[in-house]
N, C-alpha and C. Protein backbone atom coordinates (compact mmCIF):
# COMPACT_ATOMS: atom_id res chain seq x y z
N UNK A 1 10.02 1.45 13.00
CA UNK A 1 9.34 0.47 12.16
C UNK A 1 9.04 1.07 10.80
N UNK A 2 9.10 0.21 9.81
CA UNK A 2 8.73 0.57 8.45
C UNK A 2 7.60 -0.35 8.02
N UNK A 3 6.58 0.20 7.42
CA UNK A 3 5.38 -0.55 7.07
C UNK A 3 5.23 -0.68 5.57
N UNK A 4 4.94 -1.89 5.12
CA UNK A 4 4.51 -2.13 3.75
C UNK A 4 3.01 -2.31 3.85
N UNK A 5 2.26 -1.57 3.05
CA UNK A 5 0.81 -1.62 3.18
C UNK A 5 0.14 -1.83 1.84
N UNK A 6 -1.04 -2.41 1.91
CA UNK A 6 -1.90 -2.56 0.74
C UNK A 6 -3.18 -1.82 1.09
N UNK A 7 -3.49 -0.81 0.30
CA UNK A 7 -4.72 -0.06 0.54
C UNK A 7 -5.67 -0.31 -0.62
N UNK A 8 -6.95 -0.14 -0.32
CA UNK A 8 -8.00 -0.39 -1.30
C UNK A 8 -8.87 0.85 -1.41
N UNK A 9 -9.26 1.18 -2.62
CA UNK A 9 -10.16 2.31 -2.84
C UNK A 9 -11.55 1.97 -2.32
N UNK A 10 -12.15 2.87 -1.58
CA UNK A 10 -13.51 2.65 -1.06
C UNK A 10 -14.52 2.69 -2.21
N UNK A 11 -14.33 3.62 -3.13
CA UNK A 11 -15.27 3.79 -4.25
C UNK A 11 -15.10 2.74 -5.34
N UNK A 12 -13.88 2.30 -5.55
CA UNK A 12 -13.59 1.30 -6.59
C UNK A 12 -12.76 0.18 -5.95
N UNK A 13 -13.43 -0.77 -5.29
CA UNK A 13 -12.74 -1.80 -4.52
C UNK A 13 -11.72 -2.64 -5.29
N UNK A 14 -11.80 -2.68 -6.61
CA UNK A 14 -10.82 -3.44 -7.37
C UNK A 14 -9.49 -2.70 -7.51
N UNK A 15 -9.46 -1.42 -7.18
CA UNK A 15 -8.23 -0.63 -7.25
C UNK A 15 -7.49 -0.77 -5.93
N UNK A 16 -6.24 -1.21 -6.02
CA UNK A 16 -5.40 -1.37 -4.84
C UNK A 16 -4.10 -0.64 -5.05
N UNK A 17 -3.47 -0.30 -3.95
CA UNK A 17 -2.19 0.40 -4.00
C UNK A 17 -1.26 -0.22 -2.97
N UNK A 18 -0.03 -0.48 -3.36
CA UNK A 18 0.99 -1.02 -2.46
C UNK A 18 2.02 0.07 -2.22
N UNK A 19 2.36 0.30 -0.97
CA UNK A 19 3.34 1.33 -0.64
C UNK A 19 4.15 0.97 0.58
N UNK A 20 5.11 1.82 0.89
CA UNK A 20 5.96 1.64 2.06
C UNK A 20 6.08 2.99 2.76
N UNK A 21 6.07 2.98 4.09
CA UNK A 21 6.13 4.23 4.85
C UNK A 21 6.60 3.96 6.27
N UNK A 22 7.05 5.00 6.91
CA UNK A 22 7.40 4.93 8.32
C UNK A 22 6.26 5.38 9.22
N UNK A 23 5.26 6.05 8.64
CA UNK A 23 4.12 6.56 9.41
C UNK A 23 2.84 6.26 8.62
N UNK A 24 2.20 5.18 8.96
CA UNK A 24 1.06 4.69 8.19
C UNK A 24 -0.14 5.64 8.25
N UNK A 25 -0.45 6.19 9.40
CA UNK A 25 -1.60 7.10 9.52
C UNK A 25 -1.41 8.35 8.68
N UNK A 26 -0.20 8.91 8.72
CA UNK A 26 0.09 10.11 7.93
C UNK A 26 0.00 9.81 6.44
N UNK A 27 0.54 8.67 6.03
CA UNK A 27 0.54 8.32 4.60
C UNK A 27 -0.88 8.10 4.08
N UNK A 28 -1.72 7.44 4.88
CA UNK A 28 -3.11 7.24 4.48
C UNK A 28 -3.83 8.59 4.35
N UNK A 29 -3.57 9.49 5.27
CA UNK A 29 -4.16 10.84 5.20
C UNK A 29 -3.71 11.56 3.94
N UNK A 30 -2.44 11.38 3.55
CA UNK A 30 -1.94 12.01 2.31
C UNK A 30 -2.66 11.43 1.09
N UNK A 31 -2.85 10.12 1.06
CA UNK A 31 -3.57 9.51 -0.05
C UNK A 31 -5.00 10.06 -0.13
N UNK A 32 -5.66 10.16 1.00
CA UNK A 32 -7.04 10.62 1.01
C UNK A 32 -7.17 12.12 0.77
N UNK A 33 -6.08 12.86 0.94
CA UNK A 33 -6.09 14.30 0.65
C UNK A 33 -5.75 14.57 -0.81
N UNK A 34 -5.41 13.52 -1.56
CA UNK A 34 -5.11 13.69 -2.98
C UNK A 34 -3.70 14.13 -3.27
N UNK A 35 -2.76 13.92 -2.34
CA UNK A 35 -1.38 14.37 -2.52
C UNK A 35 -0.53 13.44 -3.38
N UNK A 36 -1.06 12.29 -3.72
CA UNK A 36 -0.35 11.35 -4.59
C UNK A 36 -1.07 11.31 -5.93
N UNK A 37 -0.34 11.47 -7.01
CA UNK A 37 -0.96 11.55 -8.34
C UNK A 37 -1.77 10.29 -8.68
N UNK A 38 -1.22 9.11 -8.40
CA UNK A 38 -1.93 7.88 -8.75
C UNK A 38 -3.17 7.68 -7.88
N UNK A 39 -3.05 7.88 -6.59
CA UNK A 39 -4.15 7.55 -5.69
C UNK A 39 -5.23 8.63 -5.63
N UNK A 40 -4.95 9.83 -6.11
CA UNK A 40 -5.92 10.93 -6.02
C UNK A 40 -7.22 10.62 -6.75
N UNK A 41 -7.13 9.95 -7.88
CA UNK A 41 -8.35 9.71 -8.67
C UNK A 41 -9.23 8.60 -8.12
N UNK A 42 -8.72 7.81 -7.18
CA UNK A 42 -9.51 6.70 -6.63
C UNK A 42 -9.83 6.88 -5.14
N UNK A 43 -9.64 8.08 -4.61
CA UNK A 43 -9.87 8.29 -3.18
C UNK A 43 -11.35 8.22 -2.83
N UNK A 44 -11.72 7.91 -1.65
CA UNK A 44 -10.90 7.67 -0.46
C UNK A 44 -10.35 6.24 -0.41
N UNK A 45 -9.30 6.10 0.38
CA UNK A 45 -8.60 4.83 0.54
C UNK A 45 -8.73 4.33 1.96
N UNK A 46 -8.64 3.01 2.12
CA UNK A 46 -8.56 2.41 3.45
C UNK A 46 -7.48 1.34 3.41
N UNK A 47 -6.80 1.16 4.54
CA UNK A 47 -5.75 0.16 4.61
C UNK A 47 -6.39 -1.21 4.72
N UNK A 48 -6.00 -2.08 3.82
CA UNK A 48 -6.51 -3.45 3.81
C UNK A 48 -5.60 -4.36 4.63
N UNK A 49 -4.29 -4.23 4.43
CA UNK A 49 -3.29 -5.06 5.10
C UNK A 49 -2.02 -4.25 5.28
N UNK A 50 -1.32 -4.48 6.39
CA UNK A 50 0.01 -3.90 6.53
C UNK A 50 0.91 -4.87 7.27
N UNK A 51 2.20 -4.80 6.96
CA UNK A 51 3.20 -5.63 7.58
C UNK A 51 4.30 -4.71 8.09
N UNK A 52 4.68 -4.89 9.35
CA UNK A 52 5.72 -4.06 9.96
C UNK A 52 7.07 -4.75 9.85
N UNK A 53 8.09 -3.99 9.46
CA UNK A 53 9.46 -4.48 9.36
C UNK A 53 10.36 -3.64 10.26
N UNK A 54 11.28 -4.27 10.93
CA UNK A 54 12.26 -3.51 11.71
C UNK A 54 13.43 -3.09 10.82
N UNK A 55 13.60 -3.74 9.68
CA UNK A 55 14.67 -3.44 8.73
C UNK A 55 14.07 -2.75 7.49
N UNK A 56 14.42 -1.49 7.28
CA UNK A 56 13.87 -0.71 6.17
C UNK A 56 14.21 -1.33 4.81
N UNK A 57 15.42 -1.84 4.65
CA UNK A 57 15.80 -2.44 3.37
C UNK A 57 14.93 -3.64 3.03
N UNK A 58 14.60 -4.45 4.02
CA UNK A 58 13.72 -5.60 3.79
C UNK A 58 12.32 -5.14 3.42
N UNK A 59 11.86 -4.07 4.05
CA UNK A 59 10.53 -3.53 3.73
C UNK A 59 10.48 -3.06 2.29
N UNK A 60 11.50 -2.35 1.85
CA UNK A 60 11.54 -1.85 0.48
C UNK A 60 11.61 -3.00 -0.51
N UNK A 61 12.38 -4.03 -0.18
CA UNK A 61 12.47 -5.20 -1.06
C UNK A 61 11.13 -5.92 -1.16
N UNK A 62 10.41 -6.01 -0.03
CA UNK A 62 9.10 -6.68 -0.04
C UNK A 62 8.09 -5.87 -0.84
N UNK A 63 8.12 -4.55 -0.70
CA UNK A 63 7.22 -3.70 -1.49
C UNK A 63 7.50 -3.89 -2.98
N UNK A 64 8.77 -3.91 -3.35
CA UNK A 64 9.14 -4.11 -4.75
C UNK A 64 8.62 -5.45 -5.25
N UNK A 65 8.73 -6.48 -4.42
CA UNK A 65 8.21 -7.80 -4.80
C UNK A 65 6.70 -7.75 -5.01
N UNK A 66 5.97 -7.11 -4.10
CA UNK A 66 4.51 -7.05 -4.21
C UNK A 66 4.07 -6.30 -5.46
N UNK A 67 4.90 -5.41 -5.97
CA UNK A 67 4.56 -4.67 -7.19
C UNK A 67 4.94 -5.42 -8.46
N UNK A 68 5.61 -6.56 -8.31
CA UNK A 68 5.99 -7.39 -9.46
C UNK A 68 4.82 -8.29 -9.84
N UNK A 69 4.93 -8.95 -10.96
CA UNK A 69 3.88 -9.86 -11.42
C UNK A 69 3.60 -10.99 -10.44
N UNK A 70 4.64 -11.65 -9.96
CA UNK A 70 4.42 -12.75 -9.01
C UNK A 70 3.95 -12.21 -7.66
N UNK A 71 4.36 -11.00 -7.31
CA UNK A 71 3.90 -10.39 -6.06
C UNK A 71 2.43 -10.04 -6.11
N UNK A 72 1.95 -9.58 -7.26
CA UNK A 72 0.51 -9.30 -7.42
C UNK A 72 -0.29 -10.59 -7.28
N UNK A 73 0.22 -11.67 -7.86
CA UNK A 73 -0.46 -12.97 -7.73
C UNK A 73 -0.48 -13.42 -6.28
N UNK A 74 0.62 -13.18 -5.56
CA UNK A 74 0.71 -13.49 -4.13
C UNK A 74 -0.37 -12.73 -3.36
N UNK A 75 -0.53 -11.46 -3.66
CA UNK A 75 -1.54 -10.63 -2.99
C UNK A 75 -2.95 -11.17 -3.22
N UNK A 76 -3.24 -11.57 -4.45
CA UNK A 76 -4.56 -12.09 -4.77
C UNK A 76 -4.84 -13.36 -3.98
N UNK A 77 -3.85 -14.21 -3.86
CA UNK A 77 -4.04 -15.49 -3.15
C UNK A 77 -4.14 -15.31 -1.64
N UNK A 78 -3.37 -14.37 -1.08
CA UNK A 78 -3.24 -14.30 0.37
C UNK A 78 -3.91 -13.12 1.05
N UNK A 79 -4.21 -12.07 0.30
CA UNK A 79 -4.81 -10.90 0.95
C UNK A 79 -6.16 -10.66 0.38
């Protein structure tokens, strides 16, 4: 399974991050350990929403969509 996730900063709830991973627990731990340049300054993080895909290509395409302008609007309306 491949997961597309939306995480939210605990300290700054308006900061969100969209990502894709095969291991959600490990990736969240990496964000909270400061291993990602963007997410390090807003840690700690918690997963707000995740969607599991059996097809990795579809997961990557959905992540790319969520990072687009219309995808951000979709997130605001639905998540």
